[in-house]
Amino acid sequence: MTKTTCEGSYMSDNHMFMSSFLLVLVFLEVLL
């Protein structure tokens, strides 16, 4: 979140965000 964190932790946080986002998309696909 903050720019003071190293690039590695930022990338892992971004990866977690993307995976959760994809999970929500799949969930919506199943509902629809």
PDB file of N, CA and C in Angstrom:
ATOM      1  N   MET A   1       0.834  -1.199   0.000  1.00  0.00           N
ATOM      2  CA  MET A   1       0.000   0.000   0.000  1.00  0.00           C
ATOM      3  C   MET A   1       0.872   1.252   0.000  1.00  0.00           C
ATOM      4  N   THR A   2       1.860   1.258   0.916  1.00  0.00           N
ATOM      5  CA  THR A   2       2.761   2.408   0.986  1.00  0.00           C
ATOM      6  C   THR A   2       3.956   2.180   0.074  1.00  0.00           C
ATOM      7  N   LYS A   3       4.550   3.252  -0.413  1.00  0.00           N
ATOM      8  CA  LYS A   3       5.677   3.143  -1.332  1.00  0.00           C
ATOM      9  C   LYS A   3       6.952   2.726  -0.607  1.00  0.00           C
ATOM     10  N   THR A   4       6.945   2.760   0.749  1.00  0.00           N
ATOM     11  CA  THR A   4       8.149   2.436   1.500  1.00  0.00           C
ATOM     12  C   THR A   4       8.415   0.940   1.496  1.00  0.00           C
ATOM     13  N   THR A   5       7.395   0.115   1.214  1.00  0.00           N
ATOM     14  CA  THR A   5       7.589  -1.328   1.196  1.00  0.00           C
ATOM     15  C   THR A   5       8.413  -1.726  -0.011  1.00  0.00           C
ATOM     16  N   CYS A   6       9.120  -2.850   0.091  1.00  0.00           N
ATOM     17  CA  CYS A   6       9.967  -3.299  -1.005  1.00  0.00           C
ATOM     18  C   CYS A   6       9.114  -3.786  -2.169  1.00  0.00           C
ATOM     19  N   GLU A   7       9.702  -3.900  -3.333  1.00  0.00           N
ATOM     20  CA  GLU A   7       8.978  -4.289  -4.548  1.00  0.00           C
ATOM     21  C   GLU A   7       8.368  -5.681  -4.417  1.00  0.00           C
ATOM     22  N   GLY A   8       9.080  -6.596  -3.750  1.00  0.00           N
ATOM     23  CA  GLY A   8       8.596  -7.971  -3.611  1.00  0.00           C
ATOM     24  C   GLY A   8       7.275  -8.048  -2.879  1.00  0.00           C
ATOM     25  N   SER A   9       7.170  -7.363  -1.732  1.00  0.00           N
ATOM     26  CA  SER A   9       5.926  -7.401  -0.955  1.00  0.00           C
ATOM     27  C   SER A   9       4.800  -6.730  -1.738  1.00  0.00           C
ATOM     28  N   TYR A  10       5.128  -5.689  -2.486  1.00  0.00           N
ATOM     29  CA  TYR A  10       4.119  -5.007  -3.304  1.00  0.00           C
ATOM     30  C   TYR A  10       3.574  -5.960  -4.370  1.00  0.00           C
ATOM     31  N   MET A  11       4.475  -6.702  -4.993  1.00  0.00           N
ATOM     32  CA  MET A  11       4.058  -7.641  -6.023  1.00  0.00           C
ATOM     33  C   MET A  11       3.177  -8.737  -5.445  1.00  0.00           C
ATOM     34  N   SER A  12       3.517  -9.234  -4.254  1.00  0.00           N
ATOM     35  CA  SER A  12       2.724 -10.296  -3.630  1.00  0.00           C
ATOM     36  C   SER A  12       1.333  -9.771  -3.274  1.00  0.00           C
ATOM     37  N   ASP A  13       1.261  -8.534  -2.772  1.00  0.00           N
ATOM     38  CA  ASP A  13      -0.037  -7.937  -2.441  1.00  0.00           C
ATOM     39  C   ASP A  13      -0.872  -7.788  -3.710  1.00  0.00           C
ATOM     40  N   ASN A  14      -0.241  -7.361  -4.796  1.00  0.00           N
ATOM     41  CA  ASN A  14      -0.947  -7.199  -6.064  1.00  0.00           C
ATOM     42  C   ASN A  14      -1.442  -8.546  -6.566  1.00  0.00           C
ATOM     43  N   HIS A  15      -0.622  -9.590  -6.390  1.00  0.00           N
ATOM     44  CA  HIS A  15      -1.011 -10.935  -6.822  1.00  0.00           C
ATOM     45  C   HIS A  15      -2.222 -11.415  -6.034  1.00  0.00           C
ATOM     46  N   MET A  16      -2.220 -11.169  -4.726  1.00  0.00           N
ATOM     47  CA  MET A  16      -3.345 -11.579  -3.884  1.00  0.00           C
ATOM     48  C   MET A  16      -4.613 -10.847  -4.312  1.00  0.00           C
ATOM     49  N   PHE A  17      -4.478  -9.562  -4.628  1.00  0.00           N
ATOM     50  CA  PHE A  17      -5.626  -8.767  -5.078  1.00  0.00           C
ATOM     51  C   PHE A  17      -6.181  -9.325  -6.384  1.00  0.00           C
ATOM     52  N   MET A  18      -5.297  -9.655  -7.317  1.00  0.00           N
ATOM     53  CA  MET A  18      -5.729 -10.181  -8.606  1.00  0.00           C
ATOM     54  C   MET A  18      -6.404 -11.537  -8.458  1.00  0.00           C
ATOM     55  N   SER A  19      -5.853 -12.411  -7.611  1.00  0.00           N
ATOM     56  CA  SER A  19      -6.436 -13.741  -7.424  1.00  0.00           C
ATOM     57  C   SER A  19      -7.826 -13.637  -6.810  1.00  0.00           C
ATOM     58  N   SER A  20      -7.988 -12.740  -5.833  1.00  0.00           N
ATOM     59  CA  SER A  20      -9.303 -12.561  -5.201  1.00  0.00           C
ATOM     60  C   SER A  20     -10.287 -11.969  -6.212  1.00  0.00           C
ATOM     61  N   PHE A  21      -9.799 -11.067  -7.063  1.00  0.00           N
ATOM     62  CA  PHE A  21     -10.642 -10.464  -8.094  1.00  0.00           C
ATOM     63  C   PHE A  21     -11.127 -11.528  -9.076  1.00  0.00           C
ATOM     64  N   LEU A  22     -10.214 -12.442  -9.477  1.00  0.00           N
ATOM     65  CA  LEU A  22     -10.597 -13.523 -10.381  1.00  0.00           C
ATOM     66  C   LEU A  22     -11.596 -14.452  -9.714  1.00  0.00           C
ATOM     67  N   LEU A  23     -11.428 -14.688  -8.409  1.00  0.00           N
ATOM     68  CA  LEU A  23     -12.367 -15.533  -7.677  1.00  0.00           C
ATOM     69  C   LEU A  23     -13.765 -14.934  -7.717  1.00  0.00           C
ATOM     70  N   VAL A  24     -13.863 -13.620  -7.530  1.00  0.00           N
ATOM     71  CA  VAL A  24     -15.164 -12.942  -7.573  1.00  0.00           C
ATOM     72  C   VAL A  24     -15.777 -13.066  -8.968  1.00  0.00           C
ATOM     73  N   LEU A  25     -14.949 -12.921 -10.008  1.00  0.00           N
ATOM     74  CA  LEU A  25     -15.456 -13.047 -11.377  1.00  0.00           C
ATOM     75  C   LEU A  25     -16.016 -14.441 -11.619  1.00  0.00           C
ATOM     76  N   VAL A  26     -15.295 -15.470 -11.182  1.00  0.00           N
ATOM     77  CA  VAL A  26     -15.760 -16.852 -11.352  1.00  0.00           C
ATOM     78  C   VAL A  26     -17.052 -17.065 -10.574  1.00  0.00           C
ATOM     79  N   PHE A  27     -17.132 -16.502  -9.373  1.00  0.00           N
ATOM     80  CA  PHE A  27     -18.332 -16.629  -8.545  1.00  0.00           C
ATOM     81  C   PHE A  27     -19.542 -16.022  -9.252  1.00  0.00           C
ATOM     82  N   LEU A  28     -19.340 -14.837  -9.857  1.00  0.00           N
ATOM     83  CA  LEU A  28     -20.426 -14.186 -10.591  1.00  0.00           C
ATOM     84  C   LEU A  28     -20.828 -15.016 -11.807  1.00  0.00           C
ATOM     85  N   GLU A  29     -19.842 -15.603 -12.495  1.00  0.00           N
ATOM     86  CA  GLU A  29     -20.129 -16.444 -13.659  1.00  0.00           C
ATOM     87  C   GLU A  29     -20.998 -17.628 -13.256  1.00  0.00           C
ATOM     88  N   VAL A  30     -20.703 -18.225 -12.101  1.00  0.00           N
ATOM     89  CA  VAL A  30     -21.475 -19.381 -11.629  1.00  0.00           C
ATOM     90  C   VAL A  30     -22.898 -18.954 -11.277  1.00  0.00           C
ATOM     91  N   LEU A  31     -23.030 -17.782 -10.652  1.00  0.00           N
ATOM     92  CA  LEU A  31     -24.364 -17.306 -10.278  1.00  0.00           C
ATOM     93  C   LEU A  31     -25.197 -16.996 -11.514  1.00  0.00           C
ATOM     94  N   LEU A  32     -24.559 -16.396 -12.522  1.00  0.00           N
ATOM     95  CA  LEU A  32     -25.287 -16.044 -13.736  1.00  0.00           C
ATOM     96  C   LEU A  32     -25.306 -17.228 -14.699  1.00  0.00           C
TER      97      LEU A  32
END
